[in-house]
Amino acid sequence: MPVRFLSLSSGSSGNCYVIFNEQCAVMIDAGVSLRRMKNSLSAAGIAPDDIDIVLITHDHYDHIRHLGKFAGHYGKPIYTTPTLCRALVFDSRVKEVDNAFLRPCECMSCTSYEGFTFMPVPVGHDATETVGYFMDFYGEKILLLTDLGRIPPEAYGLARQCSHIIIESNYDFDMLLTGPYTHELKARIMCEKGHLSNDDCANFIRGVYHKGLKHVFLCHLSEQNNTPKTAYECTKAALAGIGVVPGRDLMLYPLPRREASALIEL
């Protein structure tokens, strides 16, 4: 089986991604219910018990809401940073998670499981600690960056090694400024520990584009301050400036907020 990618949900209502092949299945974050997880995975030909390990990006509720139930039902190892491991042990929202499940992994240090190697990449966000992941999944190199106010310097070199990038494109600047959010919430979203705008996402993809880049997945789109078309067109326009055309030179996908994406072969 080739390497495949599935987004179960992407946004403030819940986040969960799965990368798998015949040898291994990895879940990143656990923000969807077990019932929804079962249904989405079943449609992709796997089951929750087929998940081998879980990676956690941070401890905001939309990323860990169902981590406790998943751990209690399936008992799979959960990898994240030492700081987040300590936070999860004392987090009453995921009371089923204890040290028996947790596997600390250091930022910017590689950890291997079967044929899968991954490295947490620190990013700025207003959680206890937040990381993205640089992953080598049986030869397919993938970078995931979500819930970050700014692109960290380390991400540029890592992205240029990758064939697949999953990156936050949270908000359109004008929609946010003219929208109904309070001044304080707008400031929080736009700050260095907030979320990544369409423009910042697009400029990053333009800056790291190389001929080996096959897929860009736009994740964690705001329901109030963005649309899939707006996010797509922003990155498409940035790529056009260097002569790159989605659909010809790479595939560009805005991920759905409240339902599973199509199953994508990487």
Protein backbone atom coordinates (compact mmCIF):
# COMPACT_ATOMS: atom_id res chain seq x y z
CA MET A 1 0.00 0.00 0.00
CA PRO A 2 1.34 3.47 -0.82
CA VAL A 3 1.60 6.17 1.84
CA ARG A 4 -1.75 7.91 2.30
CA PHE A 5 -2.94 11.02 4.10
CA LEU A 6 -6.35 11.71 5.60
CA SER A 7 -7.58 14.76 7.49
CA LEU A 8 -10.45 13.81 9.78
CA SER A 9 -11.10 17.43 10.77
CA SER A 10 -9.15 20.68 10.61
CA GLY A 11 -10.15 23.80 12.50
CA SER A 12 -11.22 25.13 15.88
CA SER A 13 -14.00 22.53 16.07
CA GLY A 14 -11.43 19.72 16.07
CA ASN A 15 -8.13 18.63 14.55
CA CYS A 16 -6.97 15.15 13.61
CA TYR A 17 -4.78 13.82 10.79
CA VAL A 18 -3.68 10.31 9.87
CA ILE A 19 -0.75 9.14 7.73
CA PHE A 20 -0.53 5.43 7.00
CA ASN A 21 0.60 2.55 4.82
CA GLU A 22 0.58 -1.23 5.24
CA GLN A 23 3.33 -1.13 7.87
CA CYS A 24 2.37 1.78 10.11
CA ALA A 25 -0.37 4.30 10.90
CA VAL A 26 0.27 7.58 12.70
CA MET A 27 -2.37 9.93 14.08
CA ILE A 28 -1.54 13.59 14.72
CA ASP A 29 -3.76 15.16 17.40
CA ALA A 30 -7.05 13.74 18.64
CA GLY A 31 -9.69 16.42 18.42
CA VAL A 32 -12.51 14.28 16.98
CA SER A 33 -14.86 11.82 18.68
CA LEU A 34 -14.20 8.09 18.59
CA ARG A 35 -17.41 7.51 16.64
CA ARG A 36 -16.44 10.03 14.00
CA MET A 37 -12.90 8.66 13.96
CA LYS A 38 -14.17 5.11 13.38
CA ASN A 39 -16.44 6.18 10.54
CA SER A 40 -13.80 8.26 8.76
CA LEU A 41 -11.08 5.65 9.16
CA SER A 42 -13.39 2.84 8.09
CA ALA A 43 -14.09 4.68 4.84
CA ALA A 44 -10.31 4.82 4.31
CA GLY A 45 -9.91 1.10 4.94
CA ILE A 46 -8.42 1.17 8.44
CA ALA A 47 -9.68 1.18 12.04
CA PRO A 48 -8.73 3.17 15.16
CA ASP A 49 -6.97 0.10 16.57
CA ASP A 50 -4.72 0.11 13.48
CA ILE A 51 -3.22 3.40 14.69
CA ASP A 52 0.27 2.62 16.00
CA ILE A 53 1.26 5.92 17.61
CA VAL A 54 -0.16 9.38 18.28
CA LEU A 55 1.72 12.68 17.97
CA ILE A 56 0.43 15.74 19.84
CA THR A 57 1.14 19.30 18.68
CA HIS A 58 -0.15 21.15 21.77
CA ASP A 59 -2.71 21.05 24.53
CA HIS A 60 -5.50 23.30 23.25
CA TYR A 61 -8.84 21.53 23.51
CA ASP A 62 -9.53 21.32 19.77
CA HIS A 63 -6.40 19.15 19.45
CA ILE A 64 -6.73 16.89 22.52
CA ARG A 65 -10.46 16.81 23.22
CA HIS A 66 -10.79 13.05 22.65
CA LEU A 67 -7.22 12.01 23.46
CA GLY A 68 -8.23 10.60 26.84
CA LYS A 69 -10.99 8.41 25.43
CA PHE A 70 -8.72 7.24 22.61
CA ALA A 71 -5.98 6.34 25.10
CA GLY A 72 -8.46 4.56 27.37
CA HIS A 73 -9.95 2.50 24.54
CA TYR A 74 -6.86 1.66 22.51
CA GLY A 75 -3.82 2.13 24.75
CA LYS A 76 -1.51 3.47 22.04
CA PRO A 77 1.75 5.31 22.78
CA ILE A 78 1.46 9.11 22.70
CA TYR A 79 4.54 11.08 21.67
CA THR A 80 5.07 14.74 22.42
CA THR A 81 7.58 17.01 24.15
CA PRO A 82 8.56 16.49 27.82
CA THR A 83 6.81 19.76 28.72
CA LEU A 84 3.56 18.66 27.09
CA CYS A 85 3.83 15.18 28.61
CA ARG A 86 3.92 16.74 32.08
CA ALA A 87 1.00 19.03 31.22
CA LEU A 88 -1.16 16.18 29.89
CA VAL A 89 -0.65 14.07 33.03
CA PHE A 90 -2.22 16.83 35.12
CA ASP A 91 -4.88 17.88 32.62
CA SER A 92 -8.32 16.89 33.94
CA ARG A 93 -9.78 17.11 30.42
CA VAL A 94 -7.80 14.01 29.42
CA LYS A 95 -7.75 12.22 32.77
CA GLU A 96 -7.27 8.79 31.16
CA VAL A 97 -3.83 9.84 29.89
CA ASP A 98 -1.04 8.92 32.28
CA ASN A 99 2.68 8.22 32.11
CA ALA A 100 2.07 4.67 30.89
CA PHE A 101 0.96 6.08 27.53
CA LEU A 102 3.32 9.02 27.20
CA ARG A 103 6.64 8.97 25.34
CA PRO A 104 8.66 12.21 25.64
CA CYS A 105 10.50 13.34 22.51
CA GLU A 106 12.77 16.38 22.42
CA CYS A 107 12.36 19.32 20.06
CA MET A 108 14.66 19.24 17.02
CA SER A 109 15.68 15.67 17.84
CA CYS A 110 14.66 12.68 15.71
CA THR A 111 12.67 9.76 17.11
CA SER A 112 12.03 6.56 15.15
CA TYR A 113 9.18 4.08 15.27
CA GLU A 114 9.30 1.16 12.83
CA GLY A 115 10.03 2.84 9.47
CA PHE A 116 8.78 6.25 10.60
CA THR A 117 11.05 9.05 11.83
CA PHE A 118 9.75 12.31 13.25
CA MET A 119 11.07 15.46 14.88
CA PRO A 120 9.11 18.08 16.87
CA VAL A 121 9.71 21.62 15.60
CA PRO A 122 9.00 24.43 18.12
CA VAL A 123 6.54 27.13 17.01
CA GLY A 124 4.99 30.15 18.72
CA HIS A 125 1.44 29.72 20.00
CA ASP A 126 -0.38 30.48 23.25
CA ALA A 127 -0.52 26.93 24.59
CA THR A 128 1.67 25.29 27.25
CA GLU A 129 4.04 24.46 24.40
CA THR A 130 3.39 24.01 20.68
CA VAL A 131 5.27 22.07 18.03
CA GLY A 132 4.96 21.16 14.41
CA TYR A 133 6.43 17.91 13.07
CA PHE A 134 9.00 17.12 10.42
CA MET A 135 8.36 13.53 9.38
CA ASP A 136 10.01 10.93 7.19
CA PHE A 137 7.34 8.31 6.61
CA TYR A 138 8.94 5.46 4.69
CA GLY A 139 10.73 7.91 2.40
CA GLU A 140 7.92 10.48 2.11
CA LYS A 141 9.09 13.66 3.83
CA ILE A 142 6.29 15.72 5.36
CA LEU A 143 6.21 18.97 7.34
CA LEU A 144 3.19 19.84 9.48
CA LEU A 145 2.88 23.37 10.89
CA THR A 146 -0.39 24.35 12.54
CA ASP A 147 -1.38 26.85 15.24
CA LEU A 148 1.54 29.24 14.95
CA GLY A 149 1.76 33.00 14.86
CA ARG A 150 4.92 33.15 12.77
CA ILE A 151 7.00 30.73 10.71
CA PRO A 152 10.04 29.60 12.74
CA PRO A 153 13.43 29.98 11.00
CA GLU A 154 14.07 26.22 11.16
CA ALA A 155 11.02 25.52 9.03
CA TYR A 156 12.47 26.90 5.81
CA GLY A 157 15.28 24.40 5.48
CA LEU A 158 13.04 21.53 6.57
CA ALA A 159 10.31 22.48 4.07
CA ARG A 160 12.78 22.47 1.20
CA GLN A 161 13.44 18.78 1.94
CA CYS A 162 9.75 17.86 1.86
CA SER A 163 7.43 16.59 -0.84
CA HIS A 164 4.35 17.35 1.27
CA ILE A 165 3.52 20.33 3.51
CA ILE A 166 0.50 20.63 5.83
CA ILE A 167 0.33 24.25 6.93
CA GLU A 168 -2.06 26.58 8.70
CA SER A 169 -3.78 29.22 6.56
CA ASN A 170 -6.07 30.50 9.29
CA TYR A 171 -7.37 33.93 8.37
CA ASP A 172 -7.74 36.58 5.72
CA PHE A 173 -6.44 39.85 7.13
CA ASP A 174 -9.28 42.05 5.82
CA MET A 175 -11.99 39.59 6.89
CA LEU A 176 -10.53 39.46 10.39
CA LEU A 177 -10.21 43.25 10.74
CA THR A 178 -13.76 43.95 9.56
CA GLY A 179 -15.32 40.94 11.28
CA PRO A 180 -17.25 40.66 14.55
CA TYR A 181 -14.40 39.59 16.86
CA THR A 182 -13.43 41.85 19.75
CA HIS A 183 -10.30 43.96 19.47
CA GLU A 184 -8.61 41.73 22.06
CA LEU A 185 -9.38 38.52 20.13
CA LYS A 186 -8.23 40.04 16.84
CA ALA A 187 -4.97 41.08 18.50
CA ARG A 188 -4.50 37.58 19.93
CA ILE A 189 -5.00 35.95 16.52
CA MET A 190 -2.56 38.29 14.77
CA CYS A 191 0.21 38.20 17.38
CA GLU A 192 3.39 36.12 17.31
CA LYS A 193 1.71 33.42 19.40
CA GLY A 194 -1.56 33.47 17.49
CA HIS A 195 -2.42 32.02 14.11
CA LEU A 196 -0.93 32.15 10.61
CA SER A 197 -2.59 34.37 8.02
CA ASN A 198 -3.26 33.43 4.41
CA ASP A 199 -0.61 35.91 3.32
CA ASP A 200 2.09 34.52 5.63
CA CYS A 201 1.25 30.98 4.60
CA ALA A 202 1.34 31.88 0.90
CA ASN A 203 4.66 33.72 1.21
CA PHE A 204 6.19 30.75 3.01
CA ILE A 205 5.06 28.29 0.34
CA ARG A 206 6.38 30.56 -2.38
CA GLY A 207 9.70 30.89 -0.55
CA VAL A 208 10.25 27.15 -0.06
CA TYR A 209 8.81 25.85 -3.34
CA HIS A 210 10.99 23.34 -5.16
CA LYS A 211 10.28 20.89 -7.96
CA GLY A 212 9.99 17.98 -5.54
CA LEU A 213 7.06 19.58 -3.69
CA LYS A 214 3.97 17.52 -4.57
CA HIS A 215 1.25 18.51 -2.10
CA VAL A 216 0.38 21.56 -0.02
CA PHE A 217 -2.53 21.09 2.40
CA LEU A 218 -3.97 24.29 3.88
CA CYS A 219 -5.21 23.52 7.38
CA HIS A 220 -7.01 25.12 10.34
CA LEU A 221 -9.00 27.63 8.26
CA SER A 222 -11.11 30.01 10.32
CA GLU A 223 -14.85 29.65 9.88
CA GLN A 224 -15.47 33.37 10.49
CA ASN A 225 -12.38 34.96 8.94
CA ASN A 226 -11.61 32.82 5.91
CA THR A 227 -13.05 30.59 3.21
CA PRO A 228 -11.45 27.65 1.40
CA LYS A 229 -11.55 29.64 -1.86
CA THR A 230 -9.94 32.70 -0.25
CA ALA A 231 -7.10 30.65 1.25
CA TYR A 232 -6.59 28.71 -1.98
CA GLU A 233 -6.51 31.82 -4.16
CA CYS A 234 -4.01 33.56 -1.88
CA THR A 235 -1.44 30.75 -2.11
CA LYS A 236 -2.22 30.23 -5.79
CA ALA A 237 -1.47 33.91 -6.50
CA ALA A 238 1.81 33.76 -4.57
CA LEU A 239 2.92 30.71 -6.55
CA ALA A 240 1.91 32.34 -9.83
CA GLY A 241 4.57 34.97 -9.12
CA ILE A 242 7.24 32.29 -9.60
CA GLY A 243 5.50 30.53 -12.48
CA VAL A 244 4.08 27.65 -10.42
CA VAL A 245 0.55 26.46 -11.21
CA PRO A 246 -1.51 24.29 -8.81
CA GLY A 247 -2.83 21.26 -10.64
CA ARG A 248 0.19 21.24 -12.94
CA ASP A 249 3.27 21.68 -10.73
CA LEU A 250 1.80 20.58 -7.39
CA MET A 251 -1.54 19.85 -5.74
CA LEU A 252 -2.99 22.53 -3.44
CA TYR A 253 -5.81 21.48 -1.08
CA PRO A 254 -7.71 23.51 1.55
CA LEU A 255 -8.70 20.91 4.16
CA PRO A 256 -12.34 20.75 5.31
CA ARG A 257 -13.15 22.03 8.79
CA ARG A 258 -15.94 19.71 9.91
CA GLU A 259 -15.60 16.55 7.86
CA ALA A 260 -12.97 14.21 6.52
CA SER A 261 -10.95 15.13 3.46
CA ALA A 262 -10.54 12.92 0.45
CA LEU A 263 -8.00 10.13 0.97
CA ILE A 264 -4.81 11.39 -0.67
CA GLU A 265 -2.02 9.16 -1.94
CA LEU A 266 1.30 10.84 -1.24
